[in-house]
Protein backbone atom coordinates (compact mmCIF):
# COMPACT_ATOMS: atom_id res chain seq x y z
CA UNK A 1 -142.56 155.77 199.72
CA UNK A 2 -139.54 157.99 200.28
CA UNK A 3 -137.61 155.01 201.55
CA UNK A 4 -138.28 152.99 198.39
CA UNK A 5 -137.25 155.90 196.18
CA UNK A 6 -134.01 156.25 198.06
CA UNK A 7 -133.18 152.55 197.64
CA UNK A 8 -133.89 152.75 193.93
CA UNK A 9 -131.55 155.71 193.57
CA UNK A 10 -128.72 153.89 195.36
CA UNK A 11 -129.06 150.86 193.08
CA UNK A 12 -128.80 153.03 189.96
CA UNK A 13 -125.71 154.78 191.31
CA UNK A 14 -124.02 151.47 192.09
CA UNK A 15 -124.70 150.14 188.60
CA UNK A 16 -123.30 153.31 187.04
CA UNK A 17 -120.12 152.98 189.11
CA UNK A 18 -119.65 149.35 188.02
CA UNK A 19 -120.08 150.30 184.35
CA UNK A 20 -117.50 153.09 184.57
CA UNK A 21 -115.00 150.74 186.31
CA UNK A 22 -115.46 148.03 183.69
CA UNK A 23 -114.97 150.47 180.79
CA UNK A 24 -111.85 151.87 182.40
CA UNK A 25 -110.36 148.37 182.84
CA UNK A 26 -111.07 147.47 179.23
CA UNK A 27 -109.43 150.66 177.99
CA UNK A 28 -106.29 149.98 180.02
CA UNK A 29 -106.08 146.43 178.73
CA UNK A 30 -106.43 147.51 175.10
CA UNK A 31 -103.82 150.19 175.46
CA UNK A 32 -101.28 147.57 176.65
CA UNK A 33 -101.59 145.58 173.35
CA UNK A 34 -99.53 147.21 170.56
CA UNK A 35 -99.39 145.95 166.96
CA UNK A 36 -95.94 145.00 165.49
CA UNK A 37 -96.14 147.92 163.08
CA UNK A 38 -96.69 150.35 165.89
CA UNK A 39 -93.76 148.77 167.80
CA UNK A 40 -91.46 149.38 164.86
CA UNK A 41 -92.63 152.94 164.59
CA UNK A 42 -91.97 153.53 168.24
CA UNK A 43 -88.49 151.94 168.10
CA UNK A 44 -87.56 154.01 165.08
CA UNK A 45 -88.61 157.14 166.86
CA UNK A 46 -86.42 156.34 169.85
CA UNK A 47 -83.87 158.80 171.11
CA UNK A 48 -81.44 159.55 168.16
CA UNK A 49 -78.54 160.03 170.52
CA UNK A 50 -78.97 156.48 171.86
CA UNK A 51 -79.04 154.98 168.33
CA UNK A 52 -75.94 156.93 167.35
CA UNK A 53 -74.24 155.74 170.49
CA UNK A 54 -74.95 152.09 169.66
CA UNK A 55 -73.71 152.58 166.07
CA UNK A 56 -70.46 154.12 167.30
CA UNK A 57 -69.95 151.18 169.65
CA UNK A 58 -70.41 148.72 166.76
CA UNK A 59 -67.93 150.63 164.57
CA UNK A 60 -65.47 150.68 167.44
CA UNK A 61 -65.67 146.89 167.79
CA UNK A 62 -65.11 146.36 164.02
CA UNK A 63 -62.13 148.76 164.11
CA UNK A 64 -60.59 146.79 166.94
CA UNK A 65 -61.02 143.54 164.97
CA UNK A 66 -59.33 145.00 161.90
CA UNK A 67 -56.45 146.46 163.90
CA UNK A 68 -55.90 143.13 165.64
CA UNK A 69 -55.65 141.20 162.32
CA UNK A 70 -51.99 140.46 161.30
CA UNK A 71 -50.61 142.61 158.48
CA UNK A 72 -47.90 141.48 156.04
CA UNK A 73 -44.61 143.10 156.93
CA UNK A 74 -42.38 144.71 154.34
CA UNK A 75 -39.73 142.05 154.88
CA UNK A 76 -42.32 139.30 154.36
CA UNK A 77 -43.51 140.84 151.10
CA UNK A 78 -39.93 141.13 149.90
CA UNK A 79 -39.31 137.50 150.77
CA UNK A 80 -42.39 136.39 148.81
CA UNK A 81 -41.26 138.44 145.81
CA UNK A 82 -37.78 136.91 145.89
CA UNK A 83 -39.28 133.43 146.18
CA UNK A 84 -41.49 134.05 143.13
CA UNK A 85 -38.49 135.27 141.13
CA UNK A 86 -36.48 132.20 142.13
CA UNK A 87 -39.31 129.91 141.03
CA UNK A 88 -39.54 131.57 137.62
CA UNK A 89 -36.73 129.34 136.33
CA UNK A 90 -38.25 126.17 137.79
CA UNK A 91 -39.38 123.47 135.33
CA UNK A 92 -42.94 123.88 134.20
CA UNK A 93 -45.26 120.94 134.64
CA UNK A 94 -45.79 119.26 131.27
CA UNK A 95 -43.13 121.32 129.47
CA UNK A 96 -39.52 120.45 128.71
CA UNK A 97 -36.89 122.34 130.65
CA UNK A 98 -33.92 122.74 128.32
CA UNK A 99 -32.07 125.45 130.26
CA UNK A 100 -29.72 122.98 131.86
CA UNK A 101 -26.58 123.88 133.76
CA UNK A 102 -24.74 121.10 131.95
CA UNK A 103 -25.57 118.65 129.17
CA UNK A 104 -23.14 116.06 130.47
CA UNK A 105 -24.61 112.93 132.08
CA UNK A 106 -21.78 113.03 134.62
CA UNK A 107 -23.12 116.35 135.87
CA UNK A 108 -26.70 115.05 136.00
CA UNK A 109 -26.65 111.97 138.26
CA UNK A 110 -30.46 111.69 138.46
CA UNK A 111 -30.69 111.49 134.68
CA UNK A 112 -27.86 108.93 134.58
CA UNK A 113 -29.55 106.80 137.24
CA UNK A 114 -32.84 106.93 135.34
CA UNK A 115 -31.05 105.85 132.15
CA UNK A 116 -29.32 102.89 133.82
CA UNK A 117 -32.51 101.83 135.61
CA UNK A 118 -34.29 101.56 132.24
CA UNK A 119 -31.96 98.74 131.16
CA UNK A 120 -31.65 96.44 134.22
CA UNK A 121 -31.01 93.37 132.06
CA UNK A 122 -28.78 94.97 129.46
CA UNK A 123 -29.82 95.65 125.87
CA UNK A 124 -31.83 93.67 123.35
CA UNK A 125 -30.82 94.15 119.72
CA UNK A 126 -29.95 97.83 120.20
CA UNK A 127 -27.28 99.31 122.43
CA UNK A 128 -27.73 102.93 123.51
CA UNK A 129 -24.81 105.14 124.47
CA UNK A 130 -25.99 108.38 126.10
CA UNK A 131 -24.22 111.45 124.76
CA UNK A 132 -26.07 114.34 126.36
CA UNK A 133 -29.07 115.20 128.45
CA UNK A 134 -31.27 117.50 126.37
CA UNK A 135 -34.17 118.21 128.68
CA UNK A 136 -36.40 117.16 131.54
CA UNK A 137 -40.17 117.14 131.76
CA UNK A 138 -42.01 117.13 135.08
CA UNK A 139 -45.08 114.87 135.06
CA UNK A 140 -46.12 112.36 137.71
CA UNK A 141 -42.45 111.55 137.90
CA UNK A 142 -39.96 112.79 135.29
CA UNK A 143 -39.33 112.35 131.58
CA UNK A 144 -35.68 112.59 130.53
CA UNK A 145 -34.72 113.26 126.92
CA UNK A 146 -31.28 112.11 125.80
CA UNK A 147 -29.20 112.32 122.68
CA UNK A 148 -27.89 108.79 122.16
CA UNK A 149 -25.71 106.90 119.78
CA UNK A 150 -27.41 103.60 119.00
CA UNK A 151 -25.80 100.47 117.63
CA UNK A 152 -27.33 97.16 116.65
CA UNK A 153 -25.87 94.51 118.94
CA UNK A 154 -25.60 91.99 116.12
CA UNK A 155 -24.25 94.41 113.53
CA UNK A 156 -21.76 96.90 114.98
CA UNK A 157 -21.45 99.01 111.84
CA UNK A 158 -25.15 99.93 111.85
CA UNK A 159 -24.94 103.15 113.85
CA UNK A 160 -27.44 105.97 114.18
CA UNK A 161 -28.10 108.93 116.44
CA UNK A 162 -31.45 109.07 118.15
CA UNK A 163 -33.50 111.07 120.61
CA UNK A 164 -34.43 108.72 123.45
CA UNK A 165 -37.02 109.46 126.09
CA UNK A 166 -37.06 107.61 129.40
CA UNK A 167 -39.76 107.98 132.00
CA UNK A 168 -39.00 107.46 135.70
CA UNK A 169 -41.91 107.29 138.12
CA UNK A 170 -41.90 108.54 141.70
CA UNK A 171 -40.79 105.15 143.00
CA UNK A 172 -37.64 105.20 140.84
CA UNK A 173 -38.80 102.68 138.22
CA UNK A 174 -37.69 103.64 134.70
CA UNK A 175 -38.80 102.62 131.24
CA UNK A 176 -38.08 103.65 127.65
CA UNK A 177 -41.02 105.60 126.29
CA UNK A 178 -39.75 105.82 122.73
CA UNK A 179 -36.99 106.83 120.35
CA UNK A 180 -36.76 108.86 117.16
CA UNK A 181 -33.97 108.80 114.59
CA UNK A 182 -32.27 112.17 114.45
CA UNK A 183 -30.41 111.74 111.19
CA UNK A 184 -31.36 111.60 108.39
CA UNK A 185 -33.96 114.33 108.83
CA UNK A 186 -36.98 114.86 106.62
CA UNK A 187 -35.04 117.33 104.50
CA UNK A 188 -32.25 114.79 104.08
CA UNK A 189 -34.69 112.30 102.53
CA UNK A 190 -35.21 114.42 99.46
CA UNK A 191 -34.35 112.84 96.13
CA UNK A 192 -30.69 113.01 95.26
CA UNK A 193 -29.46 113.23 98.86
CA UNK A 194 -27.34 110.73 100.71
CA UNK A 195 -25.98 110.44 104.22
CA UNK A 196 -23.38 108.50 106.16
CA UNK A 197 -23.65 108.06 109.92
CA UNK A 198 -20.56 108.64 112.02
CA UNK A 199 -19.30 105.30 113.32
CA UNK A 200 -16.31 106.72 115.21
CA UNK A 201 -16.02 109.12 118.10
CA UNK A 202 -18.99 111.46 118.39
CA UNK A 203 -17.27 114.22 120.37
CA UNK A 204 -16.11 117.03 118.04
CA UNK A 205 -13.31 117.87 120.45
CA UNK A 206 -11.88 114.41 119.76
CA UNK A 207 -11.99 115.01 116.00
CA UNK A 208 -9.61 117.91 115.16
CA UNK A 209 -10.89 118.34 111.58
CA UNK A 210 -14.50 118.66 112.75
CA UNK A 211 -13.68 120.92 115.69
CA UNK A 212 -11.62 123.23 113.47
CA UNK A 213 -14.37 123.34 110.83
CA UNK A 214 -16.92 124.24 113.50
CA UNK A 215 -14.82 127.07 114.92
CA UNK A 216 -14.12 128.46 111.49
CA UNK A 217 -17.71 128.29 110.21
CA UNK A 218 -19.51 129.44 113.37
CA UNK A 219 -18.07 132.75 114.56
CA UNK A 220 -18.87 134.22 117.94
CA UNK A 221 -22.19 136.04 118.14
CA UNK A 222 -23.27 138.56 120.75
CA UNK A 223 -26.84 137.23 120.73
CA UNK A 224 -26.42 133.45 120.60
CA UNK A 225 -23.78 130.81 121.16
CA UNK A 226 -23.52 127.29 119.74
CA UNK A 227 -22.14 124.37 121.74
CA UNK A 228 -21.12 121.33 119.64
CA UNK A 229 -22.40 118.17 121.35
CA UNK A 230 -21.96 115.46 118.72
CA UNK A 231 -20.64 114.87 115.23
CA UNK A 232 -23.53 113.11 113.51
CA UNK A 233 -22.12 112.23 110.09
CA UNK A 234 -21.87 113.37 106.49
CA UNK A 235 -24.54 114.62 104.13
CA UNK A 236 -24.08 114.79 100.38
CA UNK A 237 -26.15 115.87 97.43
CA UNK A 238 -25.39 115.59 93.73
CA UNK A 239 -23.63 118.67 92.43
CA UNK A 240 -22.86 120.06 95.89
CA UNK A 241 -20.01 119.81 98.33
CA UNK A 242 -20.12 117.19 101.05
CA UNK A 243 -21.33 118.56 104.39
CA UNK A 244 -20.46 117.59 107.94
CA UNK A 245 -23.47 117.53 110.27
CA UNK A 246 -22.96 118.61 113.88
CA UNK A 247 -25.57 118.45 116.62
CA UNK A 248 -25.38 121.63 118.69
CA UNK A 249 -27.08 123.36 121.59
CA UNK A 250 -28.12 126.90 120.70
CA UNK A 251 -28.15 129.19 123.72
CA UNK A 252 -29.55 132.68 123.45
CA UNK A 253 -28.02 135.37 125.60
CA UNK A 254 -29.65 137.99 127.76
CA UNK A 255 -32.39 138.10 130.37
CA UNK A 256 -34.76 135.72 128.56
CA UNK A 257 -32.09 133.18 127.62
CA UNK A 258 -33.40 129.93 126.13
CA UNK A 259 -31.79 126.75 124.89
CA UNK A 260 -32.77 124.93 121.72
CA UNK A 261 -31.06 122.36 119.53
CA UNK A 262 -29.88 122.77 115.96
CA UNK A 263 -28.16 120.66 113.31
CA UNK A 264 -25.41 122.61 111.59
CA UNK A 265 -24.40 121.67 108.04
CA UNK A 266 -20.81 122.75 107.38
CA UNK A 267 -19.03 122.46 104.04
CA UNK A 268 -15.82 123.77 102.48
CA UNK A 269 -15.77 126.32 99.71
CA UNK A 270 -13.44 126.30 96.69
CA UNK A 271 -10.67 127.78 98.81
CA UNK A 272 -11.00 125.05 101.41
CA UNK A 273 -12.53 127.38 104.00
CA UNK A 274 -15.29 125.95 106.19
CA UNK A 275 -18.64 127.70 105.91
CA UNK A 276 -22.05 127.19 107.42
CA UNK A 277 -24.36 126.01 104.65
CA UNK A 278 -27.61 125.68 106.57
CA UNK A 279 -29.14 125.12 109.98
CA UNK A 280 -31.98 122.80 110.88
CA UNK A 281 -33.98 123.05 114.11
CA UNK A 282 -34.38 119.85 116.10
CA UNK A 283 -37.96 119.23 117.19
CA UNK A 284 -38.68 117.07 120.20
CA UNK A 285 -40.97 114.22 119.17
CA UNK A 286 -44.19 113.38 120.97
CA UNK A 287 -43.79 109.90 122.43
CA UNK A 288 -47.37 109.65 123.81
């Protein structure tokens, strides 16, 4: 009887030991599984000195990157500024550049070549004699605007002065885009007015009477200067003195100098002195 009781006691003790071992193993296993939220909490509560250390390392790396990037030198900035100032006088795309160094075709070989290339087979019905280059327009190629004296090839006395635009593409091919009669102007078409085109020399310097009248009627001005480019002809109106019409370039002076074109009407008073009667701005036509 005692022997059986002892065996029963041993069995119970063994079962208790197994139960305790199993519970302990389960607890260890569960403690090794941490939820993502808990992991974040634990990471955020890590040693502050370590986090600060990592942040300082990152800032150090970014500082090194910035210091290694090339910085514009003072000389480079000055060079860019000078380049921008030099380009300020460059022709604007789509706009006429009238601030020319010279109006003479001899001084503008590109414009002369474009003019000649537009008439490879000579002239039909109308002969154009270029007087001056008035402006250039940068497009996909270049538009050149000329003041020309035109004459009908079958009637030499039919002379007029026109604005002629020639377009030259990037390959060098040129063509006449259009022309517009300069004189008579809209104002000259008023009732009671008449006009006579100049059929002789167009250069005022070759016509002493015209050159003298210009110098007498157009005194020097500190703000603008007028350059006579062509003697256009005569304009008359009933009850008024006959006027000589001169095509001129008007150049303003100063930092923002600009060039425009003006017709000057010059007449003589009762004492025979030349005086400027009126001025008329020349508008560039749209040949599109």
